[in-house]
Structures are given as C-alpha cells and as structure tokens.
Amino acid sequence: MTTQNTATAATENASRYLQQLCKHWSHKCETEFSPEAGTVVFPENRGTLSMQASESSLTMTISVPDPTNLAKMQDVVDKHLLRFAFREDLAINWA
C-alpha cells in the first residue's frame, strides 16, 4: 500500500519548473513529461512524483511505498524546486 501527499505552489512558471525538474532527474530516474504534466519514478522503489502545471500553480503528488520515506521525499522535491525557483518567493504547501 502506498502513502501519498499533495502540494501546491502558486507560480506563473509552473510549466517551466515541471520541465526543469523532470530534465534534472532524467539522468538518474525514469521520467515522462509534457509542458502540462510530468512523472518522475525514483530508483530503488523510493517513490513517484506526479506533477500538473496550470497557468497559476504547480501541483505535485508524491507516492511512496514506505510511509517513513514520505517526509524525506517531500524535502527532496522542495529543495530542488526552490533551487529552480530562486527568482521568486515560492511557497510550497503540502496537504
């Protein structure tokens, strides 16, 4: 059984960040993306990140097989996204 959590970040650059994250992780992870949606499958069964970009926000859902990894994976996603979004004061709100 997987555990998941969803976050939303209000930004007009959602598509850009989605594509940057997928391209960045494509060297080590299985990725699939378009300007509107993306999926990153992390190696060693650590989890899957699904993203949806709209004109005003980026929605991200992390699914992990081991619930003890959820906070760690959220932190990994947060740190990478904030690095790409350094030009704006991005708030990531996990549900």
PDB file of N, CA and C in Angstrom:
ATOM      1  N   MET A   1       0.836  -1.177   0.000  1.00  0.00           N
ATOM      2  CA  MET A   1       0.000   0.000   0.000  1.00  0.00           C
ATOM      3  C   MET A   1       0.886   1.249   0.000  1.00  0.00           C
ATOM      4  N   THR A   2       0.554   2.176  -0.859  1.00  0.00           N
ATOM      5  CA  THR A   2       1.362   3.389  -0.951  1.00  0.00           C
ATOM      6  C   THR A   2       0.750   4.506  -0.102  1.00  0.00           C
ATOM      7  N   THR A   3       1.625   5.400   0.317  1.00  0.00           N
ATOM      8  CA  THR A   3       1.226   6.598   1.039  1.00  0.00           C
ATOM      9  C   THR A   3       1.514   7.768   0.119  1.00  0.00           C
ATOM     10  N   GLN A   4       0.613   8.740   0.088  1.00  0.00           N
ATOM     11  CA  GLN A   4       0.858   9.887  -0.780  1.00  0.00           C
ATOM     12  C   GLN A   4       0.450  11.183  -0.112  1.00  0.00           C
ATOM     13  N   ASN A   5       1.004  12.261  -0.652  1.00  0.00           N
ATOM     14  CA  ASN A   5       0.697  13.599  -0.180  1.00  0.00           C
ATOM     15  C   ASN A   5       0.782  14.535  -1.377  1.00  0.00           C
ATOM     16  N   THR A   6      -0.012  15.588  -1.341  1.00  0.00           N
ATOM     17  CA  THR A   6      -0.076  16.537  -2.455  1.00  0.00           C
ATOM     18  C   THR A   6       0.262  17.938  -1.971  1.00  0.00           C
ATOM     19  N   ALA A   7       0.983  18.664  -2.816  1.00  0.00           N
ATOM     20  CA  ALA A   7       1.336  20.055  -2.531  1.00  0.00           C
ATOM     21  C   ALA A   7       0.987  20.921  -3.724  1.00  0.00           C
ATOM     22  N   THR A   8       0.739  22.183  -3.428  1.00  0.00           N
ATOM     23  CA  THR A   8       0.511  23.172  -4.473  1.00  0.00           C
ATOM     24  C   THR A   8       1.423  24.363  -4.219  1.00  0.00           C
ATOM     25  N   ALA A   9       2.011  24.858  -5.293  1.00  0.00           N
ATOM     26  CA  ALA A   9       2.851  26.054  -5.232  1.00  0.00           C
ATOM     27  C   ALA A   9       2.301  27.053  -6.251  1.00  0.00           C
ATOM     28  N   ALA A  10       1.887  28.203  -5.771  1.00  0.00           N
ATOM     29  CA  ALA A  10       1.361  29.236  -6.662  1.00  0.00           C
ATOM     30  C   ALA A  10       2.526  29.876  -7.421  1.00  0.00           C
ATOM     31  N   THR A  11       2.498  29.765  -8.752  1.00  0.00           N
ATOM     32  CA  THR A  11       3.543  30.341  -9.589  1.00  0.00           C
ATOM     33  C   THR A  11       3.065  30.410 -11.032  1.00  0.00           C
ATOM     34  N   GLU A  12       3.473  31.458 -11.715  1.00  0.00           N
ATOM     35  CA  GLU A  12       3.173  31.577 -13.145  1.00  0.00           C
ATOM     36  C   GLU A  12       4.183  30.793 -13.981  1.00  0.00           C
ATOM     37  N   ASN A  13       5.203  30.215 -13.324  1.00  0.00           N
ATOM     38  CA  ASN A  13       6.251  29.459 -14.015  1.00  0.00           C
ATOM     39  C   ASN A  13       6.129  27.954 -13.797  1.00  0.00           C
ATOM     40  N   ALA A  14       4.939  27.482 -13.524  1.00  0.00           N
ATOM     41  CA  ALA A  14       4.735  26.067 -13.196  1.00  0.00           C
ATOM     42  C   ALA A  14       5.248  25.132 -14.286  1.00  0.00           C
ATOM     43  N   SER A  15       4.936  25.412 -15.523  1.00  0.00           N
ATOM     44  CA  SER A  15       5.371  24.549 -16.621  1.00  0.00           C
ATOM     45  C   SER A  15       6.893  24.513 -16.717  1.00  0.00           C
ATOM     46  N   ARG A  16       7.517  25.652 -16.571  1.00  0.00           N
ATOM     47  CA  ARG A  16       8.986  25.724 -16.625  1.00  0.00           C
ATOM     48  C   ARG A  16       9.609  24.863 -15.527  1.00  0.00           C
ATOM     49  N   TYR A  17       9.094  24.995 -14.294  1.00  0.00           N
ATOM     50  CA  TYR A  17       9.658  24.245 -13.177  1.00  0.00           C
ATOM     51  C   TYR A  17       9.417  22.743 -13.337  1.00  0.00           C
ATOM     52  N   LEU A  18       8.226  22.377 -13.798  1.00  0.00           N
ATOM     53  CA  LEU A  18       7.912  20.975 -14.044  1.00  0.00           C
ATOM     54  C   LEU A  18       8.931  20.374 -15.013  1.00  0.00           C
ATOM     55  N   GLN A  19       9.166  21.060 -16.112  1.00  0.00           N
ATOM     56  CA  GLN A  19      10.095  20.547 -17.124  1.00  0.00           C
ATOM     57  C   GLN A  19      11.536  20.526 -16.601  1.00  0.00           C
ATOM     58  N   GLN A  20      11.929  21.554 -15.837  1.00  0.00           N
ATOM     59  CA  GLN A  20      13.276  21.578 -15.274  1.00  0.00           C
ATOM     60  C   GLN A  20      13.487  20.409 -14.317  1.00  0.00           C
ATOM     61  N   LEU A  21      12.505  20.159 -13.450  1.00  0.00           N
ATOM     62  CA  LEU A  21      12.637  19.053 -12.508  1.00  0.00           C
ATOM     63  C   LEU A  21      12.747  17.722 -13.237  1.00  0.00           C
ATOM     64  N   CYS A  22      11.906  17.510 -14.230  1.00  0.00           N
ATOM     65  CA  CYS A  22      11.938  16.247 -14.971  1.00  0.00           C
ATOM     66  C   CYS A  22      13.262  16.083 -15.719  1.00  0.00           C
ATOM     67  N   LYS A  23      13.730  17.129 -16.360  1.00  0.00           N
ATOM     68  CA  LYS A  23      15.015  17.052 -17.074  1.00  0.00           C
ATOM     69  C   LYS A  23      16.163  16.803 -16.100  1.00  0.00           C
ATOM     70  N   HIS A  24      16.134  17.478 -14.960  1.00  0.00           N
ATOM     71  CA  HIS A  24      17.189  17.314 -13.954  1.00  0.00           C
ATOM     72  C   HIS A  24      17.252  15.861 -13.473  1.00  0.00           C
ATOM     73  N   TRP A  25      16.096  15.286 -13.165  1.00  0.00           N
ATOM     74  CA  TRP A  25      16.068  13.925 -12.629  1.00  0.00           C
ATOM     75  C   TRP A  25      16.150  12.853 -13.702  1.00  0.00           C
ATOM     76  N   SER A  26      16.048  13.220 -14.970  1.00  0.00           N
ATOM     77  CA  SER A  26      16.068  12.212 -16.038  1.00  0.00           C
ATOM     78  C   SER A  26      17.400  11.474 -16.130  1.00  0.00           C
ATOM     79  N   HIS A  27      18.454  12.025 -15.539  1.00  0.00           N
ATOM     80  CA  HIS A  27      19.760  11.370 -15.572  1.00  0.00           C
ATOM     81  C   HIS A  27      19.817  10.169 -14.637  1.00  0.00           C
ATOM     82  N   LYS A  28      18.982  10.179 -13.596  1.00  0.00           N
ATOM     83  CA  LYS A  28      19.018   9.104 -12.604  1.00  0.00           C
ATOM     84  C   LYS A  28      17.680   8.395 -12.437  1.00  0.00           C
ATOM     85  N   CYS A  29      16.622   8.966 -12.988  1.00  0.00           N
ATOM     86  CA  CYS A  29      15.272   8.453 -12.773  1.00  0.00           C
ATOM     87  C   CYS A  29      14.557   8.268 -14.105  1.00  0.00           C
ATOM     88  N   GLU A  30      13.521   7.469 -14.059  1.00  0.00           N
ATOM     89  CA  GLU A  30      12.643   7.325 -15.220  1.00  0.00           C
ATOM     90  C   GLU A  30      11.691   8.520 -15.195  1.00  0.00           C
ATOM     91  N   THR A  31      11.655   9.293 -16.279  1.00  0.00           N
ATOM     92  CA  THR A  31      10.801  10.477 -16.337  1.00  0.00           C
ATOM     93  C   THR A  31       9.975  10.487 -17.612  1.00  0.00           C
ATOM     94  N   GLU A  32       8.864  11.150 -17.521  1.00  0.00           N
ATOM     95  CA  GLU A  32       7.998  11.376 -18.680  1.00  0.00           C
ATOM     96  C   GLU A  32       7.326  12.717 -18.438  1.00  0.00           C
ATOM     97  N   PHE A  33       7.358  13.591 -19.444  1.00  0.00           N
ATOM     98  CA  PHE A  33       6.754  14.905 -19.211  1.00  0.00           C
ATOM     99  C   PHE A  33       6.362  15.605 -20.497  1.00  0.00           C
ATOM    100  N   SER A  34       5.434  16.525 -20.315  1.00  0.00           N
ATOM    101  CA  SER A  34       4.988  17.477 -21.333  1.00  0.00           C
ATOM    102  C   SER A  34       4.979  18.828 -20.622  1.00  0.00           C
ATOM    103  N   PRO A  35       4.640  19.910 -21.311  1.00  0.00           N
ATOM    104  CA  PRO A  35       4.561  21.198 -20.615  1.00  0.00           C
ATOM    105  C   PRO A  35       3.495  21.240 -19.508  1.00  0.00           C
ATOM    106  N   GLU A  36       2.508  20.359 -19.577  1.00  0.00           N
ATOM    107  CA  GLU A  36       1.405  20.385 -18.615  1.00  0.00           C
ATOM    108  C   GLU A  36       1.481  19.345 -17.507  1.00  0.00           C
ATOM    109  N   ALA A  37       2.200  18.240 -17.737  1.00  0.00           N
ATOM    110  CA  ALA A  37       2.216  17.153 -16.745  1.00  0.00           C
ATOM    111  C   ALA A  37       3.547  16.411 -16.795  1.00  0.00           C
ATOM    112  N   GLY A  38       3.931  15.872 -15.649  1.00  0.00           N
ATOM    113  CA  GLY A  38       5.177  15.124 -15.598  1.00  0.00           C
ATOM    114  C   GLY A  38       5.158  14.088 -14.501  1.00  0.00           C
ATOM    115  N   THR A  39       5.966  13.035 -14.706  1.00  0.00           N
ATOM    116  CA  THR A  39       6.106  11.967 -13.725  1.00  0.00           C
ATOM    117  C   THR A  39       7.574  11.625 -13.585  1.00  0.00           C
ATOM    118  N   VAL A  40       8.008  11.464 -12.334  1.00  0.00           N
ATOM    119  CA  VAL A  40       9.369  11.042 -12.026  1.00  0.00           C
ATOM    120  C   VAL A  40       9.264   9.799 -11.155  1.00  0.00           C
ATOM    121  N   VAL A  41       9.878   8.703 -11.611  1.00  0.00           N
ATOM    122  CA  VAL A  41       9.914   7.474 -10.824  1.00  0.00           C
ATOM    123  C   VAL A  41      11.320   7.363 -10.251  1.00  0.00           C
ATOM    124  N   PHE A  42      11.432   7.522  -8.937  1.00  0.00           N
ATOM    125  CA  PHE A  42      12.729   7.485  -8.290  1.00  0.00           C
ATOM    126  C   PHE A  42      13.230   6.049  -8.177  1.00  0.00           C
ATOM    127  N   PRO A  43      14.543   5.853  -8.300  1.00  0.00           N
ATOM    128  CA  PRO A  43      15.095   4.495  -8.262  1.00  0.00           C
ATOM    129  C   PRO A  43      14.963   3.858  -6.881  1.00  0.00           C
ATOM    130  N   GLU A  44      15.198   2.575  -6.846  1.00  0.00           N
ATOM    131  CA  GLU A  44      15.209   1.789  -5.610  1.00  0.00           C
ATOM    132  C   GLU A  44      13.872   1.857  -4.874  1.00  0.00           C
ATOM    133  N   ASN A  45      12.793   1.975  -5.648  1.00  0.00           N
ATOM    134  CA  ASN A  45      11.437   1.951  -5.096  1.00  0.00           C
ATOM    135  C   ASN A  45      11.216   3.022  -4.023  1.00  0.00           C
ATOM    136  N   ARG A  46      11.864   4.191  -4.216  1.00  0.00           N
ATOM    137  CA  ARG A  46      11.720   5.277  -3.238  1.00  0.00           C
ATOM    138  C   ARG A  46      10.437   6.063  -3.412  1.00  0.00           C
ATOM    139  N   GLY A  47       9.838   6.008  -4.595  1.00  0.00           N
ATOM    140  CA  GLY A  47       8.574   6.706  -4.782  1.00  0.00           C
ATOM    141  C   GLY A  47       8.419   7.291  -6.162  1.00  0.00           C
ATOM    142  N   THR A  48       7.269   7.911  -6.369  1.00  0.00           N
ATOM    143  CA  THR A  48       6.911   8.527  -7.643  1.00  0.00           C
ATOM    144  C   THR A  48       6.386   9.932  -7.383  1.00  0.00           C
ATOM    145  N   LEU A  49       6.836  10.855  -8.211  1.00  0.00           N
ATOM    146  CA  LEU A  49       6.360  12.234  -8.159  1.00  0.00           C
ATOM    147  C   LEU A  49       5.555  12.503  -9.422  1.00  0.00           C
ATOM    148  N   SER A  50       4.317  12.938  -9.254  1.00  0.00           N
ATOM    149  CA  SER A  50       3.460  13.339 -10.373  1.00  0.00           C
ATOM    150  C   SER A  50       3.213  14.832 -10.258  1.00  0.00           C
ATOM    151  N   MET A  51       3.313  15.539 -11.377  1.00  0.00           N
ATOM    152  CA  MET A  51       3.145  16.995 -11.367  1.00  0.00           C
ATOM    153  C   MET A  51       2.165  17.431 -12.444  1.00  0.00           C
ATOM    154  N   GLN A  52       1.416  18.488 -12.120  1.00  0.00           N
ATOM    155  CA  GLN A  52       0.475  19.102 -13.044  1.00  0.00           C
ATOM    156  C   GLN A  52       0.741  20.605 -13.019  1.00  0.00           C
ATOM    157  N   ALA A  53       0.920  21.189 -14.187  1.00  0.00           N
ATOM    158  CA  ALA A  53       1.158  22.632 -14.279  1.00  0.00           C
ATOM    159  C   ALA A  53      -0.069  23.324 -14.859  1.00  0.00           C
ATOM    160  N   SER A  54      -0.454  24.409 -14.203  1.00  0.00           N
ATOM    161  CA  SER A  54      -1.509  25.259 -14.737  1.00  0.00           C
ATOM    162  C   SER A  54      -0.899  26.651 -14.939  1.00  0.00           C
ATOM    163  N   GLU A  55      -1.692  27.595 -15.371  1.00  0.00           N
ATOM    164  CA  GLU A  55      -1.176  28.949 -15.582  1.00  0.00           C
ATOM    165  C   GLU A  55      -0.804  29.635 -14.275  1.00  0.00           C
ATOM    166  N   SER A  56      -1.363  29.145 -13.156  1.00  0.00           N
ATOM    167  CA  SER A  56      -1.143  29.834 -11.886  1.00  0.00           C
ATOM    168  C   SER A  56      -0.533  28.982 -10.775  1.00  0.00           C
ATOM    169  N   SER A  57      -0.341  27.667 -11.015  1.00  0.00           N
ATOM    170  CA  SER A  57       0.213  26.847  -9.939  1.00  0.00           C
ATOM    171  C   SER A  57       0.801  25.537 -10.453  1.00  0.00           C
ATOM    172  N   LEU A  58       1.665  24.971  -9.609  1.00  0.00           N
ATOM    173  CA  LEU A  58       2.235  23.646  -9.833  1.00  0.00           C
ATOM    174  C   LEU A  58       1.708  22.745  -8.725  1.00  0.00           C
ATOM    175  N   THR A  59       1.046  21.672  -9.113  1.00  0.00           N
ATOM    176  CA  THR A  59       0.530  20.703  -8.151  1.00  0.00           C
ATOM    177  C   THR A  59       1.396  19.458  -8.241  1.00  0.00           C
ATOM    178  N   MET A  60       1.856  18.977  -7.082  1.00  0.00           N
ATOM    179  CA  MET A  60       2.755  17.834  -7.028  1.00  0.00           C
ATOM    180  C   MET A  60       2.197  16.799  -6.069  1.00  0.00           C
ATOM    181  N   THR A  61       2.224  15.544  -6.481  1.00  0.00           N
ATOM    182  CA  THR A  61       1.793  14.450  -5.619  1.00  0.00           C
ATOM    183  C   THR A  61       2.927  13.448  -5.517  1.00  0.00           C
ATOM    184  N   ILE A  62       3.321  13.157  -4.287  1.00  0.00           N
ATOM    185  CA  ILE A  62       4.360  12.158  -4.037  1.00  0.00           C
ATOM    186  C   ILE A  62       3.681  10.905  -3.515  1.00  0.00           C
ATOM    187  N   SER A  63       4.013   9.765  -4.115  1.00  0.00           N
ATOM    188  CA  SER A  63       3.535   8.463  -3.656  1.00  0.00           C
ATOM    189  C   SER A  63       4.748   7.633  -3.274  1.00  0.00           C
ATOM    190  N   VAL A  64       4.745   7.083  -2.066  1.00  0.00           N
ATOM    191  CA  VAL A  64       5.865   6.281  -1.583  1.00  0.00           C
ATOM    192  C   VAL A  64       5.352   4.947  -1.051  1.00  0.00           C
ATOM    193  N   PRO A  65       6.097   3.857  -1.305  1.00  0.00           N
ATOM    194  CA  PRO A  65       5.672   2.566  -0.776  1.00  0.00           C
ATOM    195  C   PRO A  65       5.903   2.440   0.729  1.00  0.00           C
ATOM    196  N   ASP A  66       6.886   3.172   1.246  1.00  0.00           N
ATOM    197  CA  ASP A  66       7.213   3.127   2.675  1.00  0.00           C
ATOM    198  C   ASP A  66       6.868   4.482   3.292  1.00  0.00           C
ATOM    199  N   PRO A  67       5.850   4.553   4.151  1.00  0.00           N
ATOM    200  CA  PRO A  67       5.422   5.833   4.706  1.00  0.00           C
ATOM    201  C   PRO A  67       6.516   6.577   5.468  1.00  0.00           C
ATOM    202  N   THR A  68       7.525   5.867   5.944  1.00  0.00           N
ATOM    203  CA  THR A  68       8.603   6.543   6.665  1.00  0.00           C
ATOM    204  C   THR A  68       9.468   7.384   5.723  1.00  0.00           C
ATOM    205  N   ASN A  69       9.354   7.184   4.411  1.00  0.00           N
ATOM    206  CA  ASN A  69      10.117   7.959   3.428  1.00  0.00           C
ATOM    207  C   ASN A  69       9.380   9.196   2.932  1.00  0.00           C
ATOM    208  N   LEU A  70       8.134   9.386   3.318  1.00  0.00           N
ATOM    209  CA  LEU A  70       7.335  10.479   2.767  1.00  0.00           C
ATOM    210  C   LEU A  70       7.949  11.851   3.063  1.00  0.00           C
ATOM    211  N   ALA A  71       8.291  12.114   4.303  1.00  0.00           N
ATOM    212  CA  ALA A  71       8.856  13.424   4.663  1.00  0.00           C
ATOM    213  C   ALA A  71      10.178  13.668   3.948  1.00  0.00           C
ATOM    214  N   LYS A  72      10.995  12.640   3.821  1.00  0.00           N
ATOM    215  CA  LYS A  72      12.288  12.773   3.138  1.00  0.00           C
ATOM    216  C   LYS A  72      12.086  13.113   1.664  1.00  0.00           C
ATOM    217  N   MET A  73      11.157  12.434   1.012  1.00  0.00           N
ATOM    218  CA  MET A  73      10.917  12.688  -0.406  1.00  0.00           C
ATOM    219  C   MET A  73      10.308  14.075  -0.620  1.00  0.00           C
ATOM    220  N   GLN A  74       9.429  14.506   0.277  1.00  0.00           N
ATOM    221  CA  GLN A  74       8.889  15.863   0.185  1.00  0.00           C
ATOM    222  C   GLN A  74      10.026  16.874   0.290  1.00  0.00           C
ATOM    223  N   ASP A  75      10.957  16.641   1.195  1.00  0.00           N
ATOM    224  CA  ASP A  75      12.086  17.541   1.374  1.00  0.00           C
ATOM    225  C   ASP A  75      12.960  17.586   0.121  1.00  0.00           C
ATOM    226  N   VAL A  76      13.193  16.444  -0.500  1.00  0.00           N
ATOM    227  CA  VAL A  76      13.988  16.381  -1.729  1.00  0.00           C
ATOM    228  C   VAL A  76      13.324  17.219  -2.816  1.00  0.00           C
ATOM    229  N   VAL A  77      12.026  17.049  -2.988  1.00  0.00           N
ATOM    230  CA  VAL A  77      11.287  17.805  -4.003  1.00  0.00           C
ATOM    231  C   VAL A  77      11.318  19.300  -3.679  1.00  0.00           C
ATOM    232  N   ASP A  78      11.056  19.643  -2.421  1.00  0.00           N
ATOM    233  CA  ASP A  78      11.065  21.048  -2.006  1.00  0.00           C
ATOM    234  C   ASP A  78      12.402  21.713  -2.326  1.00  0.00           C
ATOM    235  N   LYS A  79      13.492  21.082  -1.925  1.00  0.00           N
ATOM    236  CA  LYS A  79      14.812  21.681  -2.117  1.00  0.00           C
ATOM    237  C   LYS A  79      15.133  21.885  -3.590  1.00  0.00           C
ATOM    238  N   HIS A  80      14.787  20.907  -4.422  1.00  0.00           N
ATOM    239  CA  HIS A  80      15.060  21.042  -5.855  1.00  0.00           C
ATOM    240  C   HIS A  80      14.194  22.132  -6.476  1.00  0.00           C
ATOM    241  N   LEU A  81      12.912  22.140  -6.141  1.00  0.00           N
ATOM    242  CA  LEU A  81      12.021  23.146  -6.707  1.00  0.00           C
ATOM    243  C   LEU A  81      12.445  24.552  -6.277  1.00  0.00           C
ATOM    244  N   LEU A  82      12.775  24.722  -5.012  1.00  0.00           N
ATOM    245  CA  LEU A  82      13.186  26.043  -4.530  1.00  0.00           C
ATOM    246  C   LEU A  82      14.490  26.495  -5.185  1.00  0.00           C
ATOM    247  N   ARG A  83      15.362  25.567  -5.504  1.00  0.00           N
ATOM    248  CA  ARG A  83      16.605  25.914  -6.206  1.00  0.00           C
ATOM    249  C   ARG A  83      16.292  26.458  -7.604  1.00  0.00           C
ATOM    250  N   PHE A  84      15.347  25.838  -8.300  1.00  0.00           N
ATOM    251  CA  PHE A  84      14.981  26.305  -9.633  1.00  0.00           C
ATOM    252  C   PHE A  84      14.175  27.603  -9.574  1.00  0.00           C
ATOM    253  N   ALA A  85      13.470  27.826  -8.476  1.00  0.00           N
ATOM    254  CA  ALA A  85      12.591  28.996  -8.348  1.00  0.00           C
ATOM    255  C   ALA A  85      13.235  30.110  -7.529  1.00  0.00           C
ATOM    256  N   PHE A  86      14.553  30.209  -7.569  1.00  0.00           N
ATOM    257  CA  PHE A  86      15.258  31.170  -6.718  1.00  0.00           C
ATOM    258  C   PHE A  86      14.880  32.617  -7.008  1.00  0.00           C
ATOM    259  N   ARG A  87      14.322  32.896  -8.176  1.00  0.00           N
ATOM    260  CA  ARG A  87      13.972  34.268  -8.531  1.00  0.00           C
ATOM    261  C   ARG A  87      12.657  34.739  -7.903  1.00  0.00           C
ATOM    262  N   GLU A  88      11.927  33.824  -7.313  1.00  0.00           N
ATOM    263  CA  GLU A  88      10.645  34.200  -6.706  1.00  0.00           C
ATOM    264  C   GLU A  88      10.531  33.596  -5.306  1.00  0.00           C
ATOM    265  N   ASP A  89       9.654  34.183  -4.526  1.00  0.00           N
ATOM    266  CA  ASP A  89       9.424  33.709  -3.158  1.00  0.00           C
ATOM    267  C   ASP A  89       8.331  32.655  -3.213  1.00  0.00           C
ATOM    268  N   LEU A  90       8.738  31.417  -3.508  1.00  0.00           N
ATOM    269  CA  LEU A  90       7.788  30.335  -3.741  1.00  0.00           C
ATOM    270  C   LEU A  90       7.418  29.664  -2.428  1.00  0.00           C
ATOM    271  N   ALA A  91       6.134  29.499  -2.190  1.00  0.00           N
ATOM    272  CA  ALA A  91       5.640  28.776  -1.018  1.00  0.00           C
ATOM    273  C   ALA A  91       5.075  27.441  -1.475  1.00  0.00           C
ATOM    274  N   ILE A  92       5.571  26.354  -0.879  1.00  0.00           N
ATOM    275  CA  ILE A  92       5.113  25.005  -1.208  1.00  0.00           C
ATOM    276  C   ILE A  92       4.261  24.525  -0.045  1.00  0.00           C
ATOM    277  N   ASN A  93       3.007  24.266  -0.311  1.00  0.00           N
ATOM    278  CA  ASN A  93       2.061  23.895   0.746  1.00  0.00           C
ATOM    279  C   ASN A  93       1.624  22.449   0.600  1.00  0.00           C
ATOM    280  N   TRP A  94       2.180  21.570   1.449  1.00  0.00           N
ATOM    281  CA  TRP A  94       1.803  20.158   1.446  1.00  0.00           C
ATOM    282  C   TRP A  94       0.521  19.982   2.259  1.00  0.00           C
ATOM    283  N   ALA A  95      -0.400  19.198   1.730  1.00  0.00           N
ATOM    284  CA  ALA A  95      -1.687  18.971   2.399  1.00  0.00           C
ATOM    285  C   ALA A  95      -1.521  18.092   3.620  1.00  0.00           C
TER     286      ALA A  95
END
